[in-house]
PDB file of N, CA and C in Angstrom:
ATOM      1  N   MET A   1       0.816  -1.191   0.000  1.00  0.00           N
ATOM      2  CA  MET A   1       0.000   0.000   0.000  1.00  0.00           C
ATOM      3  C   MET A   1       0.858   1.252   0.000  1.00  0.00           C
ATOM      4  N   LYS A   2       1.929   1.253   0.798  1.00  0.00           N
ATOM      5  CA  LYS A   2       2.798   2.415   0.842  1.00  0.00           C
ATOM      6  C   LYS A   2       3.444   2.672  -0.516  1.00  0.00           C
ATOM      7  N   VAL A   3       3.895   1.631  -1.158  1.00  0.00           N
ATOM      8  CA  VAL A   3       4.558   1.769  -2.450  1.00  0.00           C
ATOM      9  C   VAL A   3       3.594   2.335  -3.482  1.00  0.00           C
ATOM     10  N   SER A   4       2.375   1.853  -3.472  1.00  0.00           N
ATOM     11  CA  SER A   4       1.411   2.359  -4.451  1.00  0.00           C
ATOM     12  C   SER A   4       1.054   3.816  -4.163  1.00  0.00           C
ATOM     13  N   SER A   5       0.991   4.209  -2.895  1.00  0.00           N
ATOM     14  CA  SER A   5       0.709   5.612  -2.550  1.00  0.00           C
ATOM     15  C   SER A   5       1.852   6.510  -2.997  1.00  0.00           C
ATOM     16  N   ILE A   6       3.066   6.069  -2.740  1.00  0.00           N
ATOM     17  CA  ILE A   6       4.238   6.849  -3.154  1.00  0.00           C
ATOM     18  C   ILE A   6       4.296   6.937  -4.673  1.00  0.00           C
ATOM     19  N   LEU A   7       4.027   5.824  -5.323  1.00  0.00           N
ATOM     20  CA  LEU A   7       4.025   5.799  -6.780  1.00  0.00           C
ATOM     21  C   LEU A   7       2.964   6.745  -7.340  1.00  0.00           C
ATOM     22  N   PHE A   8       1.790   6.772  -6.724  1.00  0.00           N
ATOM     23  CA  PHE A   8       0.723   7.675  -7.155  1.00  0.00           C
ATOM     24  C   PHE A   8       1.161   9.136  -7.020  1.00  0.00           C
ATOM     25  N   VAL A   9       1.791   9.475  -5.892  1.00  0.00           N
ATOM     26  CA  VAL A   9       2.257  10.854  -5.663  1.00  0.00           C
ATOM     27  C   VAL A   9       3.314  11.226  -6.696  1.00  0.00           C
ATOM     28  N   VAL A  10       4.245  10.350  -6.971  1.00  0.00           N
ATOM     29  CA  VAL A  10       5.299  10.615  -7.953  1.00  0.00           C
ATOM     30  C   VAL A  10       4.702  10.821  -9.339  1.00  0.00           C
ATOM     31  N   ILE A  11       3.761   9.969  -9.720  1.00  0.00           N
ATOM     32  CA  ILE A  11       3.126  10.089 -11.035  1.00  0.00           C
ATOM     33  C   ILE A  11       2.317  11.380 -11.111  1.00  0.00           C
ATOM     34  N   ALA A  12       1.583  11.704 -10.051  1.00  0.00           N
ATOM     35  CA  ALA A  12       0.770  12.924 -10.037  1.00  0.00           C
ATOM     36  C   ALA A  12       1.650  14.164 -10.142  1.00  0.00           C
ATOM     37  N   LEU A  13       2.740  14.187  -9.387  1.00  0.00           N
ATOM     38  CA  LEU A  13       3.651  15.335  -9.463  1.00  0.00           C
ATOM     39  C   LEU A  13       4.307  15.420 -10.835  1.00  0.00           C
ATOM     40  N   GLY A  14       4.647  14.289 -11.387  1.00  0.00           N
ATOM     41  CA  GLY A  14       5.240  14.284 -12.728  1.00  0.00           C
ATOM     42  C   GLY A  14       4.271  14.808 -13.761  1.00  0.00           C
ATOM     43  N   ALA A  15       3.015  14.407 -13.662  1.00  0.00           N
ATOM     44  CA  ALA A  15       1.995  14.886 -14.600  1.00  0.00           C
ATOM     45  C   ALA A  15       1.768  16.374 -14.423  1.00  0.00           C
ATOM     46  N   ALA A  16       1.718  16.827 -13.178  1.00  0.00           N
ATOM     47  CA  ALA A  16       1.522  18.258 -12.924  1.00  0.00           C
ATOM     48  C   ALA A  16       2.709  19.051 -13.457  1.00  0.00           C
ATOM     49  N   GLY A  17       3.903  18.525 -13.253  1.00  0.00           N
ATOM     50  CA  GLY A  17       5.089  19.200 -13.785  1.00  0.00           C
ATOM     51  C   GLY A  17       5.075  19.243 -15.295  1.00  0.00           C
ATOM     52  N   GLY A  18       4.596  18.173 -15.909  1.00  0.00           N
ATOM     53  CA  GLY A  18       4.501  18.149 -17.371  1.00  0.00           C
ATOM     54  C   GLY A  18       3.506  19.159 -17.885  1.00  0.00           C
ATOM     55  N   VAL A  19       2.370  19.279 -17.200  1.00  0.00           N
ATOM     56  CA  VAL A  19       1.368  20.272 -17.597  1.00  0.00           C
ATOM     57  C   VAL A  19       1.928  21.666 -17.400  1.00  0.00           C
ATOM     58  N   TYR A  20       2.598  21.897 -16.272  1.00  0.00           N
ATOM     59  CA  TYR A  20       3.176  23.212 -15.997  1.00  0.00           C
ATOM     60  C   TYR A  20       4.207  23.577 -17.061  1.00  0.00           C
ATOM     61  N   SER A  21       5.106  22.634 -17.367  1.00  0.00           N
ATOM     62  CA  SER A  21       6.133  22.952 -18.349  1.00  0.00           C
ATOM     63  C   SER A  21       5.538  23.091 -19.745  1.00  0.00           C
ATOM     64  N   TYR A  22       4.427  22.422 -20.021  1.00  0.00           N
ATOM     65  CA  TYR A  22       3.767  22.596 -21.317  1.00  0.00           C
ATOM     66  C   TYR A  22       3.328  24.043 -21.489  1.00  0.00           C
ATOM     67  N   PHE A  23       2.719  24.594 -20.439  1.00  0.00           N
ATOM     68  CA  PHE A  23       2.238  25.971 -20.540  1.00  0.00           C
ATOM     69  C   PHE A  23       3.374  26.980 -20.495  1.00  0.00           C
ATOM     70  N   THR A  24       4.445  26.691 -19.783  1.00  0.00           N
ATOM     71  CA  THR A  24       5.537  27.653 -19.724  1.00  0.00           C
ATOM     72  C   THR A  24       6.383  27.609 -20.987  1.00  0.00           C
ATOM     73  N   VAL A  25       6.559  26.445 -21.566  1.00  0.00           N
ATOM     74  CA  VAL A  25       7.375  26.333 -22.770  1.00  0.00           C
ATOM     75  C   VAL A  25       6.671  26.942 -23.974  1.00  0.00           C
ATOM     76  N   PHE A  26       5.377  26.742 -24.073  1.00  0.00           N
ATOM     77  CA  PHE A  26       4.658  27.173 -25.254  1.00  0.00           C
ATOM     78  C   PHE A  26       3.927  28.506 -25.096  1.00  0.00           C
ATOM     79  N   THR A  27       4.206  29.233 -24.025  1.00  0.00           N
ATOM     80  CA  THR A  27       3.613  30.553 -23.870  1.00  0.00           C
ATOM     81  C   THR A  27       4.297  31.492 -24.855  1.00  0.00           C
ATOM     82  N   PRO A  28       3.559  32.087 -25.779  1.00  0.00           N
ATOM     83  CA  PRO A  28       4.200  32.958 -26.762  1.00  0.00           C
ATOM     84  C   PRO A  28       4.724  34.235 -26.118  1.00  0.00           C
ATOM     85  N   LEU A  29       5.869  34.660 -26.575  1.00  0.00           N
ATOM     86  CA  LEU A  29       6.444  35.914 -26.112  1.00  0.00           C
ATOM     87  C   LEU A  29       5.946  37.031 -27.016  1.00  0.00           C
ATOM     88  N   VAL A  30       5.474  38.083 -26.424  1.00  0.00           N
ATOM     89  CA  VAL A  30       4.986  39.214 -27.200  1.00  0.00           C
ATOM     90  C   VAL A  30       6.029  40.311 -27.114  1.00  0.00           C
ATOM     91  N   GLU A  31       6.639  40.606 -28.239  1.00  0.00           N
ATOM     92  CA  GLU A  31       7.617  41.680 -28.281  1.00  0.00           C
ATOM     93  C   GLU A  31       6.942  42.926 -28.815  1.00  0.00           C
ATOM     94  N   THR A  32       7.242  44.037 -28.202  1.00  0.00           N
ATOM     95  CA  THR A  32       6.686  45.285 -28.701  1.00  0.00           C
ATOM     96  C   THR A  32       7.772  46.021 -29.466  1.00  0.00           C
ATOM     97  N   LEU A  33       7.411  46.533 -30.597  1.00  0.00           N
ATOM     98  CA  LEU A  33       8.336  47.269 -31.442  1.00  0.00           C
ATOM     99  C   LEU A  33       8.145  48.749 -31.176  1.00  0.00           C
ATOM    100  N   ASP A  34       9.230  49.429 -30.858  1.00  0.00           N
ATOM    101  CA  ASP A  34       9.161  50.875 -30.671  1.00  0.00           C
ATOM    102  C   ASP A  34       9.010  51.496 -32.047  1.00  0.00           C
ATOM    103  N   ARG A  35       7.872  52.111 -32.281  1.00  0.00           N
ATOM    104  CA  ARG A  35       7.568  52.685 -33.586  1.00  0.00           C
ATOM    105  C   ARG A  35       6.853  54.008 -33.391  1.00  0.00           C
ATOM    106  N   PRO A  36       6.954  54.898 -34.372  1.00  0.00           N
ATOM    107  CA  PRO A  36       6.278  56.190 -34.216  1.00  0.00           C
ATOM    108  C   PRO A  36       4.770  56.066 -34.386  1.00  0.00           C
ATOM    109  N   THR A  37       4.055  56.955 -33.729  1.00  0.00           N
ATOM    110  CA  THR A  37       2.619  57.076 -33.973  1.00  0.00           C
ATOM    111  C   THR A  37       2.444  57.848 -35.284  1.00  0.00           C
ATOM    112  N   ASP A  38       1.232  57.923 -35.775  1.00  0.00           N
ATOM    113  CA  ASP A  38       0.979  58.712 -36.988  1.00  0.00           C
ATOM    114  C   ASP A  38       1.387  60.168 -36.777  1.00  0.00           C
ATOM    115  N   GLU A  39       1.097  60.707 -35.597  1.00  0.00           N
ATOM    116  CA  GLU A  39       1.438  62.096 -35.303  1.00  0.00           C
ATOM    117  C   GLU A  39       2.954  62.297 -35.254  1.00  0.00           C
ATOM    118  N   GLN A  40       3.678  61.349 -34.657  1.00  0.00           N
ATOM    119  CA  GLN A  40       5.135  61.448 -34.590  1.00  0.00           C
ATOM    120  C   GLN A  40       5.761  61.309 -35.974  1.00  0.00           C
ATOM    121  N   ALA A  41       5.213  60.426 -36.801  1.00  0.00           N
ATOM    122  CA  ALA A  41       5.726  60.254 -38.166  1.00  0.00           C
ATOM    123  C   ALA A  41       5.476  61.519 -38.985  1.00  0.00           C
ATOM    124  N   THR A  42       4.296  62.109 -38.837  1.00  0.00           N
ATOM    125  CA  THR A  42       3.989  63.361 -39.541  1.00  0.00           C
ATOM    126  C   THR A  42       4.943  64.456 -39.088  1.00  0.00           C
ATOM    127  N   ALA A  43       5.176  64.561 -37.782  1.00  0.00           N
ATOM    128  CA  ALA A  43       6.092  65.581 -37.257  1.00  0.00           C
ATOM    129  C   ALA A  43       7.509  65.362 -37.775  1.00  0.00           C
ATOM    130  N   ALA A  44       7.936  64.099 -37.892  1.00  0.00           N
ATOM    131  CA  ALA A  44       9.276  63.809 -38.415  1.00  0.00           C
ATOM    132  C   ALA A  44       9.407  64.294 -39.854  1.00  0.00           C
ATOM    133  N   TRP A  45       8.388  64.063 -40.668  1.00  0.00           N
ATOM    134  CA  TRP A  45       8.412  64.546 -42.054  1.00  0.00           C
ATOM    135  C   TRP A  45       8.412  66.072 -42.089  1.00  0.00           C
ATOM    136  N   ARG A  46       7.620  66.698 -41.231  1.00  0.00           N
ATOM    137  CA  ARG A  46       7.519  68.166 -41.251  1.00  0.00           C
ATOM    138  C   ARG A  46       8.783  68.843 -40.739  1.00  0.00           C
ATOM    139  N   ARG A  47       9.622  68.130 -39.981  1.00  0.00           N
ATOM    140  CA  ARG A  47      10.892  68.701 -39.510  1.00  0.00           C
ATOM    141  C   ARG A  47      11.973  68.692 -40.583  1.00  0.00           C
ATOM    142  N   VAL A  48      11.780  67.940 -41.652  1.00  0.00           N
ATOM    143  CA  VAL A  48      12.784  67.896 -42.720  1.00  0.00           C
ATOM    144  C   VAL A  48      12.872  69.283 -43.349  1.00  0.00           C
ATOM    145  N   ARG A  49      14.095  69.803 -43.422  1.00  0.00           N
ATOM    146  CA  ARG A  49      14.304  71.156 -43.949  1.00  0.00           C
ATOM    147  C   ARG A  49      15.133  71.123 -45.226  1.00  0.00           C
ATOM    148  N   SER A  50      14.876  72.083 -46.074  1.00  0.00           N
ATOM    149  CA  SER A  50      15.638  72.230 -47.311  1.00  0.00           C
ATOM    150  C   SER A  50      17.070  72.622 -46.962  1.00  0.00           C
ATOM    151  N   SER A  51      18.035  71.970 -47.594  1.00  0.00           N
ATOM    152  CA  SER A  51      19.433  72.313 -47.335  1.00  0.00           C
ATOM    153  C   SER A  51      19.796  73.663 -47.947  1.00  0.00           C
ATOM    154  N   ILE A  52      18.990  74.149 -48.884  1.00  0.00           N
ATOM    155  CA  ILE A  52      19.271  75.434 -49.534  1.00  0.00           C
ATOM    156  C   ILE A  52      18.603  76.586 -48.779  1.00  0.00           C
ATOM    157  N   SER A  53      17.299  76.507 -48.576  1.00  0.00           N
ATOM    158  CA  SER A  53      16.577  77.625 -47.957  1.00  0.00           C
ATOM    159  C   SER A  53      16.461  77.501 -46.441  1.00  0.00           C
ATOM    160  N   GLY A  54      16.581  76.286 -45.909  1.00  0.00           N
ATOM    161  CA  GLY A  54      16.416  76.083 -44.478  1.00  0.00           C
ATOM    162  C   GLY A  54      14.963  76.024 -44.039  1.00  0.00           C
ATOM    163  N   ARG A  55      14.059  76.167 -44.980  1.00  0.00           N
ATOM    164  CA  ARG A  55      12.623  76.105 -44.663  1.00  0.00           C
ATOM    165  C   ARG A  55      12.154  74.653 -44.679  1.00  0.00           C
ATOM    166  N   PRO A  56      11.028  74.389 -43.996  1.00  0.00           N
ATOM    167  CA  PRO A  56      10.487  73.021 -44.028  1.00  0.00           C
ATOM    168  C   PRO A  56      10.192  72.579 -45.457  1.00  0.00           C
ATOM    169  N   SER A  57      10.600  71.376 -45.784  1.00  0.00           N
ATOM    170  CA  SER A  57      10.390  70.849 -47.134  1.00  0.00           C
ATOM    171  C   SER A  57       8.982  70.304 -47.334  1.00  0.00           C
ATOM    172  N   PHE A  58       8.369  69.816 -46.254  1.00  0.00           N
ATOM    173  CA  PHE A  58       7.056  69.169 -46.367  1.00  0.00           C
ATOM    174  C   PHE A  58       6.102  69.711 -45.295  1.00  0.00           C
ATOM    175  N   PRO A  59       5.744  70.987 -45.340  1.00  0.00           N
ATOM    176  CA  PRO A  59       4.935  71.571 -44.260  1.00  0.00           C
ATOM    177  C   PRO A  59       3.502  71.051 -44.191  1.00  0.00           C
ATOM    178  N   ASN A  60       2.970  70.517 -45.278  1.00  0.00           N
ATOM    179  CA  ASN A  60       1.571  70.084 -45.308  1.00  0.00           C
ATOM    180  C   ASN A  60       1.389  68.570 -45.336  1.00  0.00           C
ATOM    181  N   VAL A  61       2.461  67.827 -45.139  1.00  0.00           N
ATOM    182  CA  VAL A  61       2.398  66.376 -45.234  1.00  0.00           C
ATOM    183  C   VAL A  61       1.651  65.783 -44.032  1.00  0.00           C
ATOM    184  N   THR A  62       0.927  64.701 -44.269  1.00  0.00           N
ATOM    185  CA  THR A  62       0.340  63.899 -43.185  1.00  0.00           C
ATOM    186  C   THR A  62       0.637  62.428 -43.468  1.00  0.00           C
ATOM    187  N   VAL A  63       0.865  61.679 -42.408  1.00  0.00           N
ATOM    188  CA  VAL A  63       1.277  60.280 -42.528  1.00  0.00           C
ATOM    189  C   VAL A  63       0.337  59.391 -41.714  1.00  0.00           C
ATOM    190  N   LYS A  64      -0.014  58.256 -42.297  1.00  0.00           N
ATOM    191  CA  LYS A  64      -0.766  57.206 -41.603  1.00  0.00           C
ATOM    192  C   LYS A  64       0.018  55.911 -41.778  1.00  0.00           C
ATOM    193  N   LEU A  65       0.574  55.405 -40.689  1.00  0.00           N
ATOM    194  CA  LEU A  65       1.377  54.187 -40.749  1.00  0.00           C
ATOM    195  C   LEU A  65       0.497  52.957 -40.607  1.00  0.00           C
ATOM    196  N   GLU A  66       0.863  51.912 -41.337  1.00  0.00           N
ATOM    197  CA  GLU A  66       0.116  50.657 -41.279  1.00  0.00           C
ATOM    198  C   GLU A  66       0.918  49.562 -40.586  1.00  0.00           C
ATOM    199  N   LYS A  67       2.129  49.317 -41.040  1.00  0.00           N
ATOM    200  CA  LYS A  67       2.930  48.218 -40.511  1.00  0.00           C
ATOM    201  C   LYS A  67       4.373  48.673 -40.402  1.00  0.00           C
ATOM    202  N   CYS A  68       5.013  48.367 -39.285  1.00  0.00           N
ATOM    203  CA  CYS A  68       6.420  48.711 -39.090  1.00  0.00           C
ATOM    204  C   CYS A  68       7.205  47.463 -38.704  1.00  0.00           C
ATOM    205  N   GLU A  69       8.456  47.426 -39.142  1.00  0.00           N
ATOM    206  CA  GLU A  69       9.366  46.329 -38.825  1.00  0.00           C
ATOM    207  C   GLU A  69      10.726  46.925 -38.501  1.00  0.00           C
ATOM    208  N   PRO A  70      11.559  46.193 -37.758  1.00  0.00           N
ATOM    209  CA  PRO A  70      12.921  46.674 -37.547  1.00  0.00           C
ATOM    210  C   PRO A  70      13.611  46.849 -38.898  1.00  0.00           C
ATOM    211  N   SER A  71      14.340  47.933 -39.047  1.00  0.00           N
ATOM    212  CA  SER A  71      14.997  48.213 -40.323  1.00  0.00           C
ATOM    213  C   SER A  71      16.330  47.490 -40.426  1.00  0.00           C
ATOM    214  N   PRO A  72      16.592  46.835 -41.558  1.00  0.00           N
ATOM    215  CA  PRO A  72      17.898  46.204 -41.743  1.00  0.00           C
ATOM    216  C   PRO A  72      18.979  47.225 -42.117  1.00  0.00           C
ATOM    217  N   GLN A  73      18.584  48.421 -42.569  1.00  0.00           N
ATOM    218  CA  GLN A  73      19.550  49.420 -43.017  1.00  0.00           C
ATOM    219  C   GLN A  73      19.957  50.417 -41.937  1.00  0.00           C
ATOM    220  N   ILE A  74      19.046  50.764 -41.037  1.00  0.00           N
ATOM    221  CA  ILE A  74      19.328  51.794 -40.036  1.00  0.00           C
ATOM    222  C   ILE A  74      18.942  51.289 -38.652  1.00  0.00           C
ATOM    223  N   ALA A  75      19.373  52.009 -37.637  1.00  0.00           N
ATOM    224  CA  ALA A  75      18.952  51.694 -36.265  1.00  0.00           C
ATOM    225  C   ALA A  75      17.607  52.360 -36.035  1.00  0.00           C
ATOM    226  N   GLY A  76      16.585  51.747 -36.547  1.00  0.00           N
ATOM    227  CA  GLY A  76      15.239  52.295 -36.449  1.00  0.00           C
ATOM    228  C   GLY A  76      14.250  51.328 -37.043  1.00  0.00           C
ATOM    229  N   VAL A  77      13.206  51.866 -37.658  1.00  0.00           N
ATOM    230  CA  VAL A  77      12.159  51.033 -38.239  1.00  0.00           C
ATOM    231  C   VAL A  77      11.874  51.446 -39.675  1.00  0.00           C
ATOM    232  N   THR A  78      11.418  50.477 -40.443  1.00  0.00           N
ATOM    233  CA  THR A  78      10.884  50.739 -41.771  1.00  0.00           C
ATOM    234  C   THR A  78       9.394  50.480 -41.683  1.00  0.00           C
ATOM    235  N   CYS A  79       8.621  51.485 -42.052  1.00  0.00           N
ATOM    236  CA  CYS A  79       7.166  51.380 -41.966  1.00  0.00           C
ATOM    237  C   CYS A  79       6.568  51.509 -43.354  1.00  0.00           C
ATOM    238  N   PHE A  80       5.479  50.806 -43.571  1.00  0.00           N
ATOM    239  CA  PHE A  80       4.711  50.954 -44.795  1.00  0.00           C
ATOM    240  C   PHE A  80       3.467  51.721 -44.403  1.00  0.00           C
ATOM    241  N   GLY A  81       3.141  52.699 -45.188  1.00  0.00           N
ATOM    242  CA  GLY A  81       1.961  53.486 -44.851  1.00  0.00           C
ATOM    243  C   GLY A  81       1.556  54.406 -45.974  1.00  0.00           C
ATOM    244  N   GLU A  82       0.704  55.328 -45.606  1.00  0.00           N
ATOM    245  CA  GLU A  82       0.121  56.256 -46.565  1.00  0.00           C
ATOM    246  C   GLU A  82       0.627  57.660 -46.256  1.00  0.00           C
ATOM    247  N   ILE A  83       1.087  58.358 -47.277  1.00  0.00           N
ATOM    248  CA  ILE A  83       1.558  59.727 -47.101  1.00  0.00           C
ATOM    249  C   ILE A  83       0.785  60.644 -48.042  1.00  0.00           C
ATOM    250  N   ASP A  84       0.305  61.734 -47.485  1.00  0.00           N
ATOM    251  CA  ASP A  84      -0.426  62.742 -48.262  1.00  0.00           C
ATOM    252  C   ASP A  84       0.424  64.002 -48.227  1.00  0.00           C
ATOM    253  N   TRP A  85       0.852  64.448 -49.383  1.00  0.00           N
ATOM    254  CA  TRP A  85       1.746  65.601 -49.494  1.00  0.00           C
ATOM    255  C   TRP A  85       1.010  66.926 -49.307  1.00  0.00           C
ATOM    256  N   GLY A  86      -0.285  66.861 -49.061  1.00  0.00           N
ATOM    257  CA  GLY A  86      -1.070  68.074 -48.880  1.00  0.00           C
ATOM    258  C   GLY A  86      -1.970  68.359 -50.059  1.00  0.00           C
ATOM    259  N   ASP A  87      -1.926  67.473 -51.047  1.00  0.00           N
ATOM    260  CA  ASP A  87      -2.745  67.670 -52.245  1.00  0.00           C
ATOM    261  C   ASP A  87      -3.998  66.795 -52.237  1.00  0.00           C
ATOM    262  N   GLY A  88      -4.221  66.065 -51.136  1.00  0.00           N
ATOM    263  CA  GLY A  88      -5.402  65.212 -51.043  1.00  0.00           C
ATOM    264  C   GLY A  88      -5.312  63.929 -51.839  1.00  0.00           C
ATOM    265  N   LYS A  89      -4.110  63.606 -52.330  1.00  0.00           N
ATOM    266  CA  LYS A  89      -3.910  62.376 -53.107  1.00  0.00           C
ATOM    267  C   LYS A  89      -2.877  61.502 -52.395  1.00  0.00           C
ATOM    268  N   PRO A  90      -3.309  60.757 -51.381  1.00  0.00           N
ATOM    269  CA  PRO A  90      -2.346  59.943 -50.636  1.00  0.00           C
ATOM    270  C   PRO A  90      -1.746  58.831 -51.487  1.00  0.00           C
ATOM    271  N   GLU A  91      -0.503  58.518 -51.182  1.00  0.00           N
ATOM    272  CA  GLU A  91       0.177  57.405 -51.858  1.00  0.00           C
ATOM    273  C   GLU A  91       0.748  56.475 -50.804  1.00  0.00           C
ATOM    274  N   LYS A  92       0.772  55.194 -51.134  1.00  0.00           N
ATOM    275  CA  LYS A  92       1.329  54.191 -50.223  1.00  0.00           C
ATOM    276  C   LYS A  92       2.802  54.006 -50.561  1.00  0.00           C
ATOM    277  N   ARG A  93       3.629  53.957 -49.496  1.00  0.00           N
ATOM    278  CA  ARG A  93       5.061  53.790 -49.712  1.00  0.00           C
ATOM    279  C   ARG A  93       5.751  53.382 -48.416  1.00  0.00           C
ATOM    280  N   PRO A  94       6.952  52.815 -48.526  1.00  0.00           N
ATOM    281  CA  PRO A  94       7.737  52.531 -47.325  1.00  0.00           C
ATOM    282  C   PRO A  94       8.426  53.812 -46.847  1.00  0.00           C
ATOM    283  N   MET A  95       8.616  53.917 -45.545  1.00  0.00           N
ATOM    284  CA  MET A  95       9.281  55.080 -44.945  1.00  0.00           C
ATOM    285  C   MET A  95      10.163  54.595 -43.809  1.00  0.00           C
ATOM    286  N   GLN A  96      11.294  55.234 -43.620  1.00  0.00           N
ATOM    287  CA  GLN A  96      12.184  54.867 -42.526  1.00  0.00           C
ATOM    288  C   GLN A  96      12.163  55.955 -41.459  1.00  0.00           C
ATOM    289  N   PHE A  97      12.244  55.503 -40.206  1.00  0.00           N
ATOM    290  CA  PHE A  97      12.284  56.416 -39.072  1.00  0.00           C
ATOM    291  C   PHE A  97      13.309  55.903 -38.074  1.00  0.00           C
ATOM    292  N   ALA A  98      13.967  56.831 -37.401  1.00  0.00           N
ATOM    293  CA  ALA A  98      14.900  56.489 -36.328  1.00  0.00           C
ATOM    294  C   ALA A  98      14.604  57.417 -35.156  1.00  0.00           C
ATOM    295  N   LYS A  99      14.938  56.958 -33.959  1.00  0.00           N
ATOM    296  CA  LYS A  99      14.710  57.776 -32.772  1.00  0.00           C
ATOM    297  C   LYS A  99      16.026  58.430 -32.384  1.00  0.00           C
ATOM    298  N   LEU A 100      16.011  59.748 -32.289  1.00  0.00           N
ATOM    299  CA  LEU A 100      17.203  60.515 -31.954  1.00  0.00           C
ATOM    300  C   LEU A 100      16.856  61.447 -30.808  1.00  0.00           C
ATOM    301  N   ASN A 101      17.528  61.260 -29.673  1.00  0.00           N
ATOM    302  CA  ASN A 101      17.265  62.068 -28.475  1.00  0.00           C
ATOM    303  C   ASN A 101      15.787  62.072 -28.103  1.00  0.00           C
ATOM    304  N   GLY A 102      15.138  60.924 -28.232  1.00  0.00           N
ATOM    305  CA  GLY A 102      13.746  60.778 -27.828  1.00  0.00           C
ATOM    306  C   GLY A 102      12.716  61.199 -28.853  1.00  0.00           C
ATOM    307  N   ALA A 103      13.155  61.729 -30.003  1.00  0.00           N
ATOM    308  CA  ALA A 103      12.209  62.166 -31.041  1.00  0.00           C
ATOM    309  C   ALA A 103      12.421  61.341 -32.304  1.00  0.00           C
ATOM    310  N   TRP A 104      11.332  61.031 -32.990  1.00  0.00           N
ATOM    311  CA  TRP A 104      11.421  60.292 -34.249  1.00  0.00           C
ATOM    312  C   TRP A 104      11.844  61.243 -35.363  1.00  0.00           C
ATOM    313  N   VAL A 105      12.798  60.790 -36.180  1.00  0.00           N
ATOM    314  CA  VAL A 105      13.319  61.595 -37.294  1.00  0.00           C
ATOM    315  C   VAL A 105      13.323  60.761 -38.565  1.00  0.00           C
ATOM    316  N   ARG A 106      13.446  61.458 -39.687  1.00  0.00           N
ATOM    317  CA  ARG A 106      13.596  60.814 -40.994  1.00  0.00           C
ATOM    318  C   ARG A 106      15.085  60.786 -41.300  1.00  0.00           C
ATOM    319  N   PRO A 107      15.723  59.624 -41.248  1.00  0.00           N
ATOM    320  CA  PRO A 107      17.163  59.576 -41.512  1.00  0.00           C
ATOM    321  C   PRO A 107      17.490  59.863 -42.972  1.00  0.00           C
ATOM    322  N   GLY A 108      18.547  60.617 -43.172  1.00  0.00           N
ATOM    323  CA  GLY A 108      19.042  60.870 -44.528  1.00  0.00           C
ATOM    324  C   GLY A 108      18.255  61.877 -45.324  1.00  0.00           C
ATOM    325  N   GLU A 109      17.311  62.549 -44.707  1.00  0.00           N
ATOM    326  CA  GLU A 109      16.554  63.547 -45.472  1.00  0.00           C
ATOM    327  C   GLU A 109      16.572  64.855 -44.746  1.00  0.00           C
TER     328      GLU A 109
END
């Protein structure tokens, strides 16, 4: 009787451990990607200045981001989204953004 009781406890603990490890091993990890909001992306575009006049190059632009991924080219993100240059004719295109001193910027522009 003692052996069967001990055996039952060992089997029960083993099964419980197996169930526990099943849930811990297969729990998906959710990673959050630091990406700009639509407002931050729009502000990044509006901060781009002409190298000749020093004035904003895109004062009327608005951006709506759809999907962002880590960028293989820069320390930032590449986002696909919609950009409206102010003419009411939005176009879909990829855009790159990087975070510099806490603010999102357009690298290389």
